Amino acid sequence: MGVFLIRGKSAMKFLKYIILFIFCIAPIYSFADWHGGTITQLNVGYDGTTISFKLNGWDRNNCTCYSTWPNAMCLNITRTTFDFEKSMLLSARARGSNINAYIDETTCMVTAIYEIN
């Protein structure tokens, strides 16, 4: 009478589909997006570890990751790939290569980045 019961293997299969659906829909609700282009500005903070950069065609003035440059996205120093990402940015800037950066739109902190050759 209106009660839907799932038992045994069907319950596990149903649960897997529900989890898959949640993982597929979760990126839609995150406040992050991909941005791509060549690096037009590369900044290194006084501490030597704060790296921020700006891509052509990307314009913001409300980034909170580093207040000195409110119009630039920043690398996250706590990521294990920070040194690799810093080297990639320097190399891409020197060669004029395009990069794509996935940033948290509320802070402009980079969560993923790759170079396009």
C-alpha atoms as a PDB file:
ATOM      1  CA  MET A   1       0.000   0.000   0.000  1.00  0.00           C
ATOM      2  CA  GLY A   2       2.262   2.814  -1.088  1.00  0.00           C
ATOM      3  CA  VAL A   3       5.290   1.408   0.711  1.00  0.00           C
ATOM      4  CA  PHE A   4       8.196   0.659  -1.568  1.00  0.00           C
ATOM      5  CA  LEU A   5      10.547  -1.981  -0.192  1.00  0.00           C
ATOM      6  CA  ILE A   6      13.768  -3.071  -1.820  1.00  0.00           C
ATOM      7  CA  ARG A   7      15.481  -6.205  -0.585  1.00  0.00           C
ATOM      8  CA  GLY A   8      18.726  -8.058  -1.147  1.00  0.00           C
ATOM      9  CA  LYS A   9      20.808  -7.409  -4.246  1.00  0.00           C
ATOM     10  CA  SER A  10      18.199  -5.042  -5.625  1.00  0.00           C
ATOM     11  CA  ALA A  11      18.727  -2.749  -2.634  1.00  0.00           C
ATOM     12  CA  MET A  12      22.483  -2.593  -3.251  1.00  0.00           C
ATOM     13  CA  LYS A  13      21.972  -1.934  -6.950  1.00  0.00           C
ATOM     14  CA  PHE A  14      19.452   0.815  -6.162  1.00  0.00           C
ATOM     15  CA  LEU A  15      21.863   2.369  -3.640  1.00  0.00           C
ATOM     16  CA  LYS A  16      24.694   2.347  -6.201  1.00  0.00           C
ATOM     17  CA  TYR A  17      22.508   4.165  -8.721  1.00  0.00           C
ATOM     18  CA  ILE A  18      21.529   6.758  -6.135  1.00  0.00           C
ATOM     19  CA  ILE A  19      25.174   7.392  -5.226  1.00  0.00           C
ATOM     20  CA  LEU A  20      26.142   7.614  -8.901  1.00  0.00           C
ATOM     21  CA  PHE A  21      23.352  10.121  -9.497  1.00  0.00           C
ATOM     22  CA  ILE A  22      24.536  12.268  -6.574  1.00  0.00           C
ATOM     23  CA  PHE A  23      28.126  12.252  -7.867  1.00  0.00           C
ATOM     24  CA  CYS A  24      26.943  13.234 -11.346  1.00  0.00           C
ATOM     25  CA  ILE A  25      24.797  16.091 -10.147  1.00  0.00           C
ATOM     26  CA  ALA A  26      27.174  17.431  -7.455  1.00  0.00           C
ATOM     27  CA  PRO A  27      29.420  19.430  -9.843  1.00  0.00           C
ATOM     28  CA  ILE A  28      26.382  21.348 -11.053  1.00  0.00           C
ATOM     29  CA  TYR A  29      25.903  22.824  -7.595  1.00  0.00           C
ATOM     30  CA  SER A  30      29.549  23.614  -6.858  1.00  0.00           C
ATOM     31  CA  PHE A  31      30.753  27.163  -7.233  1.00  0.00           C
ATOM     32  CA  ALA A  32      33.656  26.368  -9.535  1.00  0.00           C
ATOM     33  CA  ASP A  33      34.347  26.676 -13.244  1.00  0.00           C
ATOM     34  CA  TRP A  34      37.057  26.173 -15.876  1.00  0.00           C
ATOM     35  CA  HIS A  35      38.828  29.213 -17.318  1.00  0.00           C
ATOM     36  CA  GLY A  36      41.419  29.054 -20.074  1.00  0.00           C
ATOM     37  CA  GLY A  37      43.866  31.239 -21.971  1.00  0.00           C
ATOM     38  CA  THR A  38      47.405  32.518 -21.929  1.00  0.00           C
ATOM     39  CA  ILE A  39      48.921  33.992 -18.789  1.00  0.00           C
ATOM     40  CA  THR A  40      48.976  37.782 -18.978  1.00  0.00           C
ATOM     41  CA  GLN A  41      50.121  38.452 -15.421  1.00  0.00           C
ATOM     42  CA  LEU A  42      52.142  36.274 -13.039  1.00  0.00           C
ATOM     43  CA  ASN A  43      52.695  37.524  -9.483  1.00  0.00           C
ATOM     44  CA  VAL A  44      54.845  36.210  -6.651  1.00  0.00           C
ATOM     45  CA  GLY A  45      54.102  37.501  -3.138  1.00  0.00           C
ATOM     46  CA  TYR A  46      56.690  38.868  -0.735  1.00  0.00           C
ATOM     47  CA  ASP A  47      56.681  35.579   1.146  1.00  0.00           C
ATOM     48  CA  GLY A  48      57.882  33.800  -2.007  1.00  0.00           C
ATOM     49  CA  THR A  49      55.195  31.144  -1.792  1.00  0.00           C
ATOM     50  CA  THR A  50      52.060  33.050  -2.795  1.00  0.00           C
ATOM     51  CA  ILE A  51      51.569  32.670  -6.546  1.00  0.00           C
ATOM     52  CA  SER A  52      48.757  34.441  -8.368  1.00  0.00           C
ATOM     53  CA  PHE A  53      48.115  34.865 -12.072  1.00  0.00           C
ATOM     54  CA  LYS A  54      45.656  36.285 -14.551  1.00  0.00           C
ATOM     55  CA  LEU A  55      44.518  34.827 -17.869  1.00  0.00           C
ATOM     56  CA  ASN A  56      43.606  36.793 -20.964  1.00  0.00           C
ATOM     57  CA  GLY A  57      39.862  37.181 -21.337  1.00  0.00           C
ATOM     58  CA  TRP A  58      39.282  36.574 -17.621  1.00  0.00           C
ATOM     59  CA  ASP A  59      38.368  39.653 -15.635  1.00  0.00           C
ATOM     60  CA  ARG A  60      37.504  39.730 -11.947  1.00  0.00           C
ATOM     61  CA  ASN A  61      38.015  42.248  -9.186  1.00  0.00           C
ATOM     62  CA  ASN A  62      36.518  40.436  -6.193  1.00  0.00           C
ATOM     63  CA  CYS A  63      38.961  37.580  -5.589  1.00  0.00           C
ATOM     64  CA  THR A  64      39.778  36.976  -1.936  1.00  0.00           C
ATOM     65  CA  CYS A  65      42.659  34.500  -2.205  1.00  0.00           C
ATOM     66  CA  TYR A  66      45.303  37.278  -2.051  1.00  0.00           C
ATOM     67  CA  SER A  67      44.137  40.798  -1.328  1.00  0.00           C
ATOM     68  CA  THR A  68      47.129  42.507  -2.962  1.00  0.00           C
ATOM     69  CA  TRP A  69      45.933  41.313  -6.368  1.00  0.00           C
ATOM     70  CA  PRO A  70      42.110  41.123  -6.185  1.00  0.00           C
ATOM     71  CA  ASN A  71      41.873  40.489  -9.931  1.00  0.00           C
ATOM     72  CA  ALA A  72      44.040  37.349 -10.030  1.00  0.00           C
ATOM     73  CA  MET A  73      43.531  33.652  -9.274  1.00  0.00           C
ATOM     74  CA  CYS A  74      45.869  31.964  -6.795  1.00  0.00           C
ATOM     75  CA  LEU A  75      47.587  28.614  -6.429  1.00  0.00           C
ATOM     76  CA  ASN A  76      46.796  26.715  -3.248  1.00  0.00           C
ATOM     77  CA  ILE A  77      50.027  26.144  -1.333  1.00  0.00           C
ATOM     78  CA  THR A  78      48.503  23.296   0.689  1.00  0.00           C
ATOM     79  CA  ARG A  79      48.068  21.115  -2.408  1.00  0.00           C
ATOM     80  CA  THR A  80      50.685  18.406  -2.872  1.00  0.00           C
ATOM     81  CA  THR A  81      51.082  19.465  -6.510  1.00  0.00           C
ATOM     82  CA  PHE A  82      51.896  23.107  -5.674  1.00  0.00           C
ATOM     83  CA  ASP A  83      55.538  22.957  -6.826  1.00  0.00           C
ATOM     84  CA  PHE A  84      54.570  21.237 -10.073  1.00  0.00           C
ATOM     85  CA  GLU A  85      51.805  23.778 -10.729  1.00  0.00           C
ATOM     86  CA  LYS A  86      54.174  26.680 -10.027  1.00  0.00           C
ATOM     87  CA  SER A  87      56.733  25.273 -12.471  1.00  0.00           C
ATOM     88  CA  MET A  88      54.040  24.703 -15.075  1.00  0.00           C
ATOM     89  CA  LEU A  89      52.844  28.317 -14.764  1.00  0.00           C
ATOM     90  CA  LEU A  90      56.378  29.675 -15.168  1.00  0.00           C
ATOM     91  CA  SER A  91      56.986  27.465 -18.196  1.00  0.00           C
ATOM     92  CA  ALA A  92      53.639  28.307 -19.810  1.00  0.00           C
ATOM     93  CA  ARG A  93      54.235  32.029 -19.261  1.00  0.00           C
ATOM     94  CA  ALA A  94      57.706  31.850 -20.821  1.00  0.00           C
ATOM     95  CA  ARG A  95      56.484  29.912 -23.870  1.00  0.00           C
ATOM     96  CA  GLY A  96      53.113  31.658 -24.248  1.00  0.00           C
ATOM     97  CA  SER A  97      51.194  28.376 -23.921  1.00  0.00           C
ATOM     98  CA  ASN A  98      47.520  28.163 -23.018  1.00  0.00           C
ATOM     99  CA  ILE A  99      46.430  26.769 -19.685  1.00  0.00           C
ATOM    100  CA  ASN A 100      43.072  25.797 -18.217  1.00  0.00           C
ATOM    101  CA  ALA A 101      42.405  26.464 -14.545  1.00  0.00           C
ATOM    102  CA  TYR A 102      39.491  25.183 -12.498  1.00  0.00           C
ATOM    103  CA  ILE A 103      38.871  27.713  -9.746  1.00  0.00           C
ATOM    104  CA  ASP A 104      36.612  28.134  -6.760  1.00  0.00           C
ATOM    105  CA  GLU A 105      34.480  31.069  -7.921  1.00  0.00           C
ATOM    106  CA  THR A 106      34.036  32.472  -4.403  1.00  0.00           C
ATOM    107  CA  THR A 107      37.760  32.839  -3.620  1.00  0.00           C
ATOM    108  CA  CYS A 108      39.476  32.407  -7.041  1.00  0.00           C
ATOM    109  CA  MET A 109      41.650  29.646  -5.561  1.00  0.00           C
ATOM    110  CA  VAL A 110      42.831  27.113  -8.160  1.00  0.00           C
ATOM    111  CA  THR A 111      41.624  23.564  -7.541  1.00  0.00           C
ATOM    112  CA  ALA A 112      42.970  22.007 -10.773  1.00  0.00           C
ATOM    113  CA  ILE A 113      45.154  23.231 -13.604  1.00  0.00           C
ATOM    114  CA  TYR A 114      46.680  21.858 -16.796  1.00  0.00           C
ATOM    115  CA  GLU A 115      48.634  23.138 -19.785  1.00  0.00           C
ATOM    116  CA  ILE A 116      47.467  22.927 -23.392  1.00  0.00           C
ATOM    117  CA  ASN A 117      50.309  22.447 -25.876  1.00  0.00           C
END
